[in-house]
Amino acid sequence: MEHAENAVEDTNAEALVAKLSAIHLGYFADLYADRFCKTTSKKECIINRGYWARVEAIRMIIERFLNTYPGQHKQIISLGAGYDTFYFNQKAAKKPNFENVKYVEMDLPGVIKRKVRLISEQKDLMQLIENEGKPEIGENNTYLKSSSFSCVPVDLRKFDTFLKMSELVGIDPKAPTLVFAECVLIYLPTKNSNEIMKYFVDNFDTVYFMNWEMMKLKDSFGKVMIQNFEARGYDLLGINEYPDVSSLQNRFMDLGYPNIEVYDMLDVYNKHLNQDERKRIEKIEWLDELEEWWILQKHYYFALCSKIKDEGAETPFVKISY
């Protein structure tokens, strides 16, 4: 199990290197990503463009969630957060819609320990947190807890630990809550990921669950993707039961989510993101292999599922579309 945990932790570093490639080329801005990784490597256009689509989709939904509940206490929970820096970018920008937000990151102990250590060593990052009150840092950087931002160690295969850490940081089931997972659930046995998703829909008054993940891994292209992951020591424990959009829709329905949208990422890229931004980033690099791009994006999906307490309320935030 320790080898598997180390391999999953390694994916965080790999993802950040790919993210930095897109940032340095101007696909999107991030003031703090390079604080958590000094390694740089220019990636191919197909990777950079794909990372832009991933980041743009997630940021779009988070912004819509924040704008839907202005002035209210609300929560954002990032499962498998890795070295993501969304909180710090939002706080630095002093966006009014980011007030009254409790932002909670959960990941494996090794990732959290390193992230908390890096945060605690950088004065400007600590100041962004301390503006909301002095944070509590666990012995040996095991966790960080404050009123607005927390990083806590959670192995999502251990539901009791998940509940314990949720209680530690004071997650409130009555507050509007957005939960998101970027390429996390596929590393978990299906029973564990379903348990977490069902917990939110069963216990929270208003909850949105956002997920970006691989799919269609049973066709020839998907099998090559699996082989590439396995060759690097990554065990994809949740790959078999939900291979396509239809089965994923049924999954979220069976878990109890009333509002469900699932699209492959090619659809998201072509139809649901800011098309002016899409035109801008397409000018950064020339993409030669359009067919490979189409195939790759069809092997990833973006899902938004929700349960809203006041179903009669008019809200712009049930649909993914821009």
Protein backbone atom coordinates (compact mmCIF):
# COMPACT_ATOMS: atom_id res chain seq x y z
CA MET A 1 0.00 0.00 0.00
CA GLU A 2 2.93 2.35 0.75
CA HIS A 3 4.25 1.92 -2.81
CA ALA A 4 0.80 2.75 -4.20
CA GLU A 5 0.57 5.86 -2.01
CA ASN A 6 4.00 7.05 -3.13
CA ALA A 7 3.05 6.54 -6.77
CA VAL A 8 -0.17 8.54 -6.36
CA GLU A 9 1.78 11.29 -4.58
CA ASP A 10 4.16 11.40 -7.55
CA THR A 11 1.25 12.22 -9.88
CA ASN A 12 0.87 15.55 -8.06
CA ALA A 13 4.40 16.59 -8.98
CA GLU A 14 3.92 15.44 -12.59
CA ALA A 15 0.68 17.36 -12.88
CA LEU A 16 2.29 20.53 -11.54
CA VAL A 17 5.16 20.32 -14.05
CA ALA A 18 2.58 20.06 -16.86
CA LYS A 19 0.61 22.93 -15.37
CA LEU A 20 3.72 25.11 -15.19
CA SER A 21 4.42 24.45 -18.86
CA ALA A 22 1.04 25.92 -19.80
CA ILE A 23 1.44 28.82 -17.36
CA HIS A 24 4.86 29.82 -18.68
CA LEU A 25 3.53 29.87 -22.25
CA GLY A 26 0.64 32.16 -21.28
CA TYR A 27 -2.33 29.78 -21.44
CA PHE A 28 -3.51 30.98 -18.02
CA ALA A 29 -2.12 32.88 -15.03
CA ASP A 30 -1.08 31.45 -11.69
CA LEU A 31 1.06 33.54 -9.36
CA TYR A 32 1.99 30.77 -6.98
CA ALA A 33 2.29 27.44 -8.81
CA ASP A 34 6.07 27.67 -9.07
CA ARG A 35 6.33 27.97 -5.28
CA PHE A 36 5.62 24.25 -5.02
CA CYS A 37 7.78 22.92 -7.85
CA LYS A 38 11.08 24.15 -9.24
CA THR A 39 11.22 21.62 -12.09
CA THR A 40 10.24 22.98 -15.49
CA SER A 41 9.71 21.13 -18.74
CA LYS A 42 7.99 22.41 -21.86
CA LYS A 43 5.23 20.05 -22.85
CA GLU A 44 3.69 19.41 -26.25
CA CYS A 45 0.88 21.64 -27.44
CA ILE A 46 -1.70 18.87 -26.99
CA ILE A 47 -0.81 18.69 -23.27
CA ASN A 48 -0.77 22.46 -22.76
CA ARG A 49 -4.09 22.94 -24.51
CA GLY A 50 -5.64 20.08 -22.57
CA TYR A 51 -4.44 21.54 -19.30
CA TRP A 52 -5.96 24.90 -20.20
CA ALA A 53 -9.32 23.23 -20.86
CA ARG A 54 -9.14 21.39 -17.53
CA VAL A 55 -8.24 24.50 -15.53
CA GLU A 56 -10.71 26.73 -17.39
CA ALA A 57 -13.61 24.33 -16.77
CA ILE A 58 -12.87 24.01 -13.07
CA ARG A 59 -12.33 27.72 -12.54
CA MET A 60 -15.54 28.49 -14.43
CA ILE A 61 -17.63 26.30 -12.15
CA ILE A 62 -15.96 27.57 -8.96
CA GLU A 63 -16.57 31.18 -10.00
CA ARG A 64 -20.19 30.41 -10.78
CA PHE A 65 -20.62 28.75 -7.40
CA LEU A 66 -19.10 31.75 -5.61
CA ASN A 67 -21.31 34.19 -7.52
CA THR A 68 -24.43 32.12 -6.87
CA TYR A 69 -24.18 32.57 -3.09
CA PRO A 70 -22.88 36.15 -2.58
CA GLY A 71 -22.51 37.18 1.05
CA GLN A 72 -23.34 33.70 2.36
CA HIS A 73 -20.99 31.44 4.26
CA LYS A 74 -19.99 28.72 1.79
CA GLN A 75 -17.46 25.93 1.48
CA ILE A 76 -15.15 24.53 -1.19
CA ILE A 77 -13.64 21.10 -0.60
CA SER A 78 -10.86 19.85 -2.87
CA LEU A 79 -10.36 16.08 -2.74
CA GLY A 80 -6.84 15.08 -3.75
CA ALA A 81 -5.86 18.76 -3.92
CA GLY A 82 -2.16 18.15 -4.53
CA TYR A 83 -0.21 21.39 -4.97
CA ASP A 84 -3.13 23.40 -6.28
CA THR A 85 -2.92 27.15 -5.59
CA PHE A 86 -6.46 28.36 -6.31
CA TYR A 87 -6.98 29.65 -2.76
CA PHE A 88 -3.85 31.81 -2.81
CA ASN A 89 -4.61 33.30 -6.22
CA GLN A 90 -8.14 34.21 -5.15
CA LYS A 91 -7.00 35.76 -1.88
CA ALA A 92 -4.24 37.75 -3.59
CA ALA A 93 -6.75 39.09 -6.12
CA LYS A 94 -8.99 40.24 -3.23
CA LYS A 95 -12.10 39.13 -5.05
CA PRO A 96 -15.28 40.12 -3.19
CA ASN A 97 -16.95 36.80 -4.07
CA PHE A 98 -14.22 34.94 -2.15
CA GLU A 99 -15.26 36.39 1.20
CA ASN A 100 -17.03 34.10 3.71
CA VAL A 101 -15.46 31.02 2.12
CA LYS A 102 -14.05 28.03 3.98
CA TYR A 103 -11.58 26.35 1.62
CA VAL A 104 -10.49 22.83 2.58
CA GLU A 105 -7.86 20.70 0.83
CA MET A 106 -7.53 16.97 1.45
CA ASP A 107 -4.76 14.70 0.21
CA LEU A 108 -2.45 11.90 1.28
CA PRO A 109 -0.29 12.63 4.34
CA GLY A 110 2.97 12.91 2.38
CA VAL A 111 1.53 15.52 0.02
CA ILE A 112 -0.04 17.57 2.82
CA LYS A 113 3.12 17.49 4.93
CA ARG A 114 5.24 18.84 2.09
CA LYS A 115 2.65 21.44 1.10
CA VAL A 116 2.19 22.72 4.66
CA ARG A 117 5.98 22.95 5.09
CA LEU A 118 6.34 24.96 1.88
CA ILE A 119 3.47 27.27 2.83
CA SER A 120 4.84 27.86 6.33
CA GLU A 121 8.26 28.79 4.92
CA GLN A 122 6.88 31.55 2.66
CA LYS A 123 5.87 34.74 4.40
CA ASP A 124 3.54 36.06 1.71
CA LEU A 125 1.55 32.80 1.58
CA MET A 126 1.21 32.78 5.35
CA GLN A 127 0.03 36.39 5.30
CA LEU A 128 -2.76 35.52 2.87
CA ILE A 129 -3.97 32.92 5.38
CA GLU A 130 -3.28 34.99 8.50
CA ASN A 131 -5.49 37.81 7.24
CA GLU A 132 -8.31 35.59 8.49
CA GLY A 133 -6.59 34.73 11.81
CA LYS A 134 -3.43 32.87 12.81
CA PRO A 135 -3.49 29.27 11.50
CA GLU A 136 -2.85 26.18 13.56
CA ILE A 137 -0.09 23.96 12.17
CA GLY A 138 0.25 20.37 13.34
CA GLU A 139 3.49 18.93 14.68
CA ASN A 140 5.92 18.14 11.83
CA ASN A 141 3.62 20.00 9.40
CA THR A 142 1.02 17.23 9.47
CA TYR A 143 -1.85 19.67 8.84
CA LEU A 144 -2.75 23.36 8.61
CA LYS A 145 -6.02 24.70 9.92
CA SER A 146 -7.50 28.19 9.87
CA SER A 147 -10.95 29.74 9.64
CA SER A 148 -10.65 30.23 5.87
CA PHE A 149 -8.11 27.69 4.64
CA SER A 150 -7.12 24.20 5.78
CA CYS A 151 -4.90 21.39 4.47
CA VAL A 152 -5.55 18.04 6.11
CA PRO A 153 -4.21 14.51 5.54
CA VAL A 154 -6.84 12.08 4.29
CA ASP A 155 -6.52 8.70 2.62
CA LEU A 156 -9.90 8.63 0.88
CA ARG A 157 -9.98 4.85 1.19
CA LYS A 158 -10.42 5.34 4.95
CA PHE A 159 -13.84 6.84 5.44
CA ASP A 160 -13.45 7.24 9.21
CA THR A 161 -10.35 9.40 8.65
CA PHE A 162 -12.25 11.49 6.12
CA LEU A 163 -15.02 12.11 8.68
CA LYS A 164 -12.50 12.88 11.43
CA MET A 165 -10.67 15.47 9.32
CA SER A 166 -13.96 17.01 8.16
CA GLU A 167 -14.90 17.49 11.80
CA LEU A 168 -11.45 18.88 12.65
CA VAL A 169 -11.75 21.73 10.16
CA GLY A 170 -15.41 22.41 10.94
CA ILE A 171 -17.14 21.54 7.68
CA ASP A 172 -20.80 22.55 7.95
CA PRO A 173 -23.38 20.39 6.10
CA LYS A 174 -25.88 23.25 6.14
CA ALA A 175 -23.65 25.67 4.19
CA PRO A 176 -23.68 25.64 0.37
CA THR A 177 -20.76 23.41 -0.57
CA LEU A 178 -18.79 22.71 -3.74
CA VAL A 179 -16.72 19.53 -3.78
CA PHE A 180 -14.32 18.81 -6.60
CA ALA A 181 -11.97 16.00 -7.55
CA GLU A 182 -9.41 16.24 -10.37
CA CYS A 183 -8.28 12.82 -11.52
CA VAL A 184 -8.65 11.39 -8.01
CA LEU A 185 -11.52 8.91 -7.97
CA ILE A 186 -9.93 6.63 -10.54
CA TYR A 187 -7.16 5.81 -8.05
CA LEU A 188 -9.73 4.60 -5.49
CA PRO A 189 -11.69 1.36 -5.37
CA THR A 190 -15.20 2.15 -6.59
CA LYS A 191 -16.81 1.35 -3.24
CA ASN A 192 -14.64 4.02 -1.56
CA SER A 193 -15.29 6.78 -4.11
CA ASN A 194 -19.02 6.03 -4.13
CA GLU A 195 -19.09 6.17 -0.33
CA ILE A 196 -17.60 9.66 -0.34
CA MET A 197 -19.90 10.99 -3.07
CA LYS A 198 -22.97 9.50 -1.40
CA TYR A 199 -21.99 11.00 1.94
CA PHE A 200 -22.18 14.52 0.49
CA VAL A 201 -25.53 14.11 -1.23
CA ASP A 202 -27.08 12.37 1.80
CA ASN A 203 -25.83 14.78 4.46
CA PHE A 204 -25.49 18.25 2.93
CA ASP A 205 -28.38 20.63 2.30
CA THR A 206 -26.90 22.09 -0.88
CA VAL A 207 -23.96 20.40 -2.54
CA TYR A 208 -22.29 20.48 -5.94
CA PHE A 209 -19.91 17.70 -6.91
CA MET A 210 -17.52 18.41 -9.77
CA ASN A 211 -15.29 15.73 -11.27
CA TRP A 212 -12.65 15.59 -14.03
CA GLU A 213 -11.43 12.11 -14.86
CA MET A 214 -10.44 9.56 -17.48
CA MET A 215 -12.99 7.29 -19.18
CA LYS A 216 -13.36 4.97 -22.20
CA LEU A 217 -10.38 2.97 -21.01
CA LYS A 218 -11.58 -0.29 -22.56
CA ASP A 219 -11.01 0.71 -26.20
CA SER A 220 -7.62 0.48 -27.90
CA PHE A 221 -6.61 4.07 -27.09
CA GLY A 222 -7.77 3.68 -23.51
CA LYS A 223 -5.76 0.48 -23.08
CA VAL A 224 -2.62 2.34 -24.16
CA MET A 225 -3.40 5.04 -21.58
CA ILE A 226 -3.68 2.37 -18.88
CA GLN A 227 -0.40 0.77 -19.94
CA ASN A 228 1.35 4.14 -19.73
CA PHE A 229 0.06 4.71 -16.20
CA GLU A 230 0.86 1.19 -15.03
CA ALA A 231 4.38 1.42 -16.49
CA ARG A 232 4.98 4.35 -14.12
CA GLY A 233 3.65 2.39 -11.15
CA TYR A 234 0.19 3.96 -10.94
CA ASP A 235 -2.66 1.63 -10.00
CA LEU A 236 -5.99 2.73 -11.48
CA LEU A 237 -8.31 0.97 -9.08
CA GLY A 238 -11.56 2.55 -10.31
CA ILE A 239 -11.37 2.07 -14.08
CA ASN A 240 -13.78 -0.76 -14.83
CA GLU A 241 -17.33 -0.03 -13.72
CA TYR A 242 -18.09 3.31 -15.41
CA PRO A 243 -16.46 3.32 -18.85
CA ASP A 244 -18.52 6.00 -20.64
CA VAL A 245 -20.81 9.02 -20.28
CA SER A 246 -24.00 6.97 -20.01
CA SER A 247 -22.68 4.73 -17.22
CA LEU A 248 -21.33 7.76 -15.37
CA GLN A 249 -24.71 9.47 -15.54
CA ASN A 250 -26.28 6.33 -14.09
CA ARG A 251 -23.62 6.24 -11.39
CA PHE A 252 -24.42 9.72 -10.11
CA MET A 253 -28.15 9.06 -10.41
CA ASP A 254 -27.88 5.89 -8.34
CA LEU A 255 -25.93 7.81 -5.70
CA GLY A 256 -28.86 10.21 -5.34
CA TYR A 257 -27.86 13.39 -7.18
CA PRO A 258 -30.99 15.03 -8.74
CA ASN A 259 -29.11 17.23 -11.23
CA ILE A 260 -26.50 15.52 -13.39
CA GLU A 261 -24.40 16.62 -16.34
CA VAL A 262 -21.56 14.61 -17.84
CA TYR A 263 -19.69 15.52 -21.01
CA ASP A 264 -16.52 14.36 -22.65
CA MET A 265 -13.85 17.05 -22.65
CA LEU A 266 -14.02 17.59 -26.40
CA ASP A 267 -17.64 18.69 -25.96
CA VAL A 268 -16.64 20.89 -23.02
CA TYR A 269 -13.83 22.48 -25.05
CA ASN A 270 -15.94 23.07 -28.16
CA LYS A 271 -19.22 24.15 -26.56
CA HIS A 272 -19.06 25.01 -22.87
CA LEU A 273 -15.94 27.10 -22.22
CA ASN A 274 -15.35 30.78 -22.92
CA GLN A 275 -14.91 30.73 -26.68
CA ASP A 276 -13.07 34.06 -26.80
CA GLU A 277 -10.46 32.58 -24.46
CA ARG A 278 -10.39 29.44 -26.56
CA LYS A 279 -9.55 31.49 -29.68
CA ARG A 280 -6.81 33.29 -27.75
CA ILE A 281 -5.04 30.16 -26.52
CA GLU A 282 -5.28 28.46 -29.91
CA LYS A 283 -2.96 31.18 -31.24
CA ILE A 284 -0.23 30.41 -28.69
CA GLU A 285 0.93 27.19 -30.37
CA TRP A 286 0.11 25.35 -33.57
CA LEU A 287 -1.54 22.00 -32.96
CA ASP A 288 -0.53 19.56 -35.69
CA GLU A 289 -2.29 16.38 -34.60
CA LEU A 290 -5.95 17.39 -34.51
CA GLU A 291 -7.19 13.81 -34.69
CA GLU A 292 -5.05 12.81 -31.71
CA TRP A 293 -6.43 15.84 -29.83
CA TRP A 294 -10.00 14.80 -30.55
CA ILE A 295 -9.38 11.22 -29.44
CA LEU A 296 -7.55 12.23 -26.27
CA GLN A 297 -10.22 14.70 -25.16
CA LYS A 298 -12.93 12.09 -25.72
CA HIS A 299 -11.14 9.90 -23.16
CA TYR A 300 -11.67 12.44 -20.37
CA TYR A 301 -14.95 13.62 -18.90
CA PHE A 302 -16.18 16.58 -16.88
CA ALA A 303 -19.14 16.07 -14.57
CA LEU A 304 -21.25 18.42 -12.49
CA CYS A 305 -23.83 16.94 -10.15
CA SER A 306 -25.85 18.84 -7.58
CA LYS A 307 -28.51 18.76 -4.91
CA ILE A 308 -29.98 22.17 -4.11
CA LYS A 309 -32.04 22.65 -0.96
CA ASP A 310 -34.45 25.21 -2.40
CA GLU A 311 -35.29 23.52 -5.69
CA GLY A 312 -37.77 26.31 -6.44
CA ALA A 313 -35.10 28.99 -6.36
CA GLU A 314 -33.98 30.34 -9.70
CA THR A 315 -30.25 29.67 -10.03
CA PRO A 316 -27.91 29.94 -13.01
CA PHE A 317 -25.86 27.15 -11.58
CA VAL A 318 -27.35 23.86 -12.60
CA LYS A 319 -25.85 23.78 -16.06
CA ILE A 320 -22.20 23.61 -17.05
CA SER A 321 -22.65 25.71 -20.19
CA TYR A 322 -20.85 29.04 -20.27
